[in-house]
Amino acid sequence: MNVAWSLRAANDLRRYCQFIARDRPKAAADVNKRLLAAVDRLAEHPLSAAKSTARDTRALVVSGTGAVVIYRVQNETVNIVTIRHQMRRPLKG
């Protein structure tokens, strides 16, 4: 299965890691690596995450990052919609 990043999700990842890097550059690099690896695994296991509150999406909680990857599976593509901190309000449908 293919993985496609929305512009929003790519920007979310960049901003999330930049925020962490202000105080902890090494941690930011680790978080970036973990998030990218988790998204890569979705290509093989697209239905592995729980269904999200937003319509037709799933939410993958990525251990050790404080982040949730929100994505949609459409045809043969995993579409990464956004990356959010776990403490933010859930997306609405």
Protein backbone atom coordinates (compact mmCIF):
# COMPACT_ATOMS: atom_id res chain seq x y z
CA MET A 1 0.00 0.00 0.00
CA ASN A 2 1.20 3.54 -0.73
CA VAL A 3 1.50 6.33 1.83
CA ALA A 4 0.67 9.94 0.91
CA TRP A 5 1.22 12.94 3.17
CA SER A 6 -1.10 15.93 3.03
CA LEU A 7 0.60 19.31 3.07
CA ARG A 8 -1.04 19.90 6.45
CA ALA A 9 0.42 16.69 7.91
CA ALA A 10 3.91 17.44 6.58
CA ASN A 11 3.74 20.92 8.10
CA ASP A 12 2.40 19.49 11.38
CA LEU A 13 5.35 17.11 11.61
CA ARG A 14 7.83 19.90 10.91
CA ARG A 15 6.27 22.26 13.47
CA TYR A 16 5.93 19.53 16.10
CA CYS A 17 9.60 18.62 15.85
CA GLN A 18 10.71 22.26 15.72
CA PHE A 19 8.82 22.93 18.95
CA ILE A 20 10.55 20.03 20.70
CA ALA A 21 13.94 21.04 19.26
CA ARG A 22 13.83 24.41 21.00
CA ASP A 23 14.78 22.72 24.26
CA ARG A 24 15.80 19.21 23.24
CA PRO A 25 17.26 18.85 19.73
CA LYS A 26 18.20 15.18 20.16
CA ALA A 27 14.71 14.34 21.40
CA ALA A 28 13.20 16.13 18.40
CA ALA A 29 15.30 14.01 16.04
CA ASP A 30 14.17 10.85 17.85
CA VAL A 31 10.51 11.89 17.72
CA ASN A 32 10.81 12.63 14.00
CA LYS A 33 12.40 9.23 13.40
CA ARG A 34 9.72 7.41 15.43
CA LEU A 35 6.86 9.20 13.67
CA LEU A 36 8.26 8.50 10.21
CA ALA A 37 8.83 4.83 11.08
CA ALA A 38 5.28 4.52 12.42
CA VAL A 39 3.86 6.02 9.24
CA ASP A 40 6.00 3.68 7.12
CA ARG A 41 4.55 0.69 9.04
CA LEU A 42 1.06 1.82 8.07
CA ALA A 43 1.83 0.82 4.48
CA GLU A 44 1.94 -2.81 5.64
CA HIS A 45 -0.70 -2.58 8.39
CA PRO A 46 -3.16 0.16 7.40
CA LEU A 47 -5.97 -0.96 9.70
CA SER A 48 -3.77 -1.38 12.79
CA ALA A 49 -4.91 1.83 14.50
CA ALA A 50 -8.22 2.54 16.19
CA LYS A 51 -11.02 4.32 14.39
CA SER A 52 -11.00 8.03 15.16
CA THR A 53 -13.81 10.38 16.11
CA ALA A 54 -13.47 12.17 12.78
CA ARG A 55 -15.31 10.60 9.87
CA ASP A 56 -13.51 7.80 8.04
CA THR A 57 -10.22 8.29 9.85
CA ARG A 58 -8.00 6.27 12.14
CA ALA A 59 -5.75 7.49 14.95
CA LEU A 60 -2.33 5.95 15.50
CA VAL A 61 -0.83 6.80 18.89
CA VAL A 62 2.95 6.73 18.45
CA SER A 63 4.67 5.59 21.63
CA GLY A 64 7.34 7.86 23.07
CA THR A 65 6.34 10.88 20.99
CA GLY A 66 3.19 12.32 22.55
CA ALA A 67 1.76 12.40 19.04
CA VAL A 68 -1.18 10.91 17.21
CA VAL A 69 -1.13 10.33 13.46
CA ILE A 70 -4.58 10.82 11.93
CA TYR A 71 -5.01 9.06 8.60
CA ARG A 72 -7.50 7.69 6.09
CA VAL A 73 -7.29 4.52 4.05
CA GLN A 74 -8.62 5.04 0.55
CA ASN A 75 -8.26 2.43 -2.16
CA GLU A 76 -4.60 1.40 -2.05
CA THR A 77 -3.34 4.52 -0.26
CA VAL A 78 -2.84 5.51 3.37
CA ASN A 79 -3.44 9.26 3.41
CA ILE A 80 -1.82 11.02 6.35
CA VAL A 81 -4.23 13.80 7.31
CA THR A 82 -2.59 15.44 10.32
CA ILE A 83 -0.27 14.91 13.27
CA ARG A 84 -1.50 16.17 16.63
CA HIS A 85 -0.37 16.12 20.23
CA GLN A 86 -2.28 13.55 22.28
CA MET A 87 -3.60 16.22 24.64
CA ARG A 88 -5.36 18.24 21.92
CA ARG A 89 -9.07 17.90 21.42
CA PRO A 90 -10.09 15.13 19.02
CA LEU A 91 -10.92 16.03 15.45
CA LYS A 92 -14.62 16.37 14.72
CA GLY A 93 -16.21 14.55 11.88
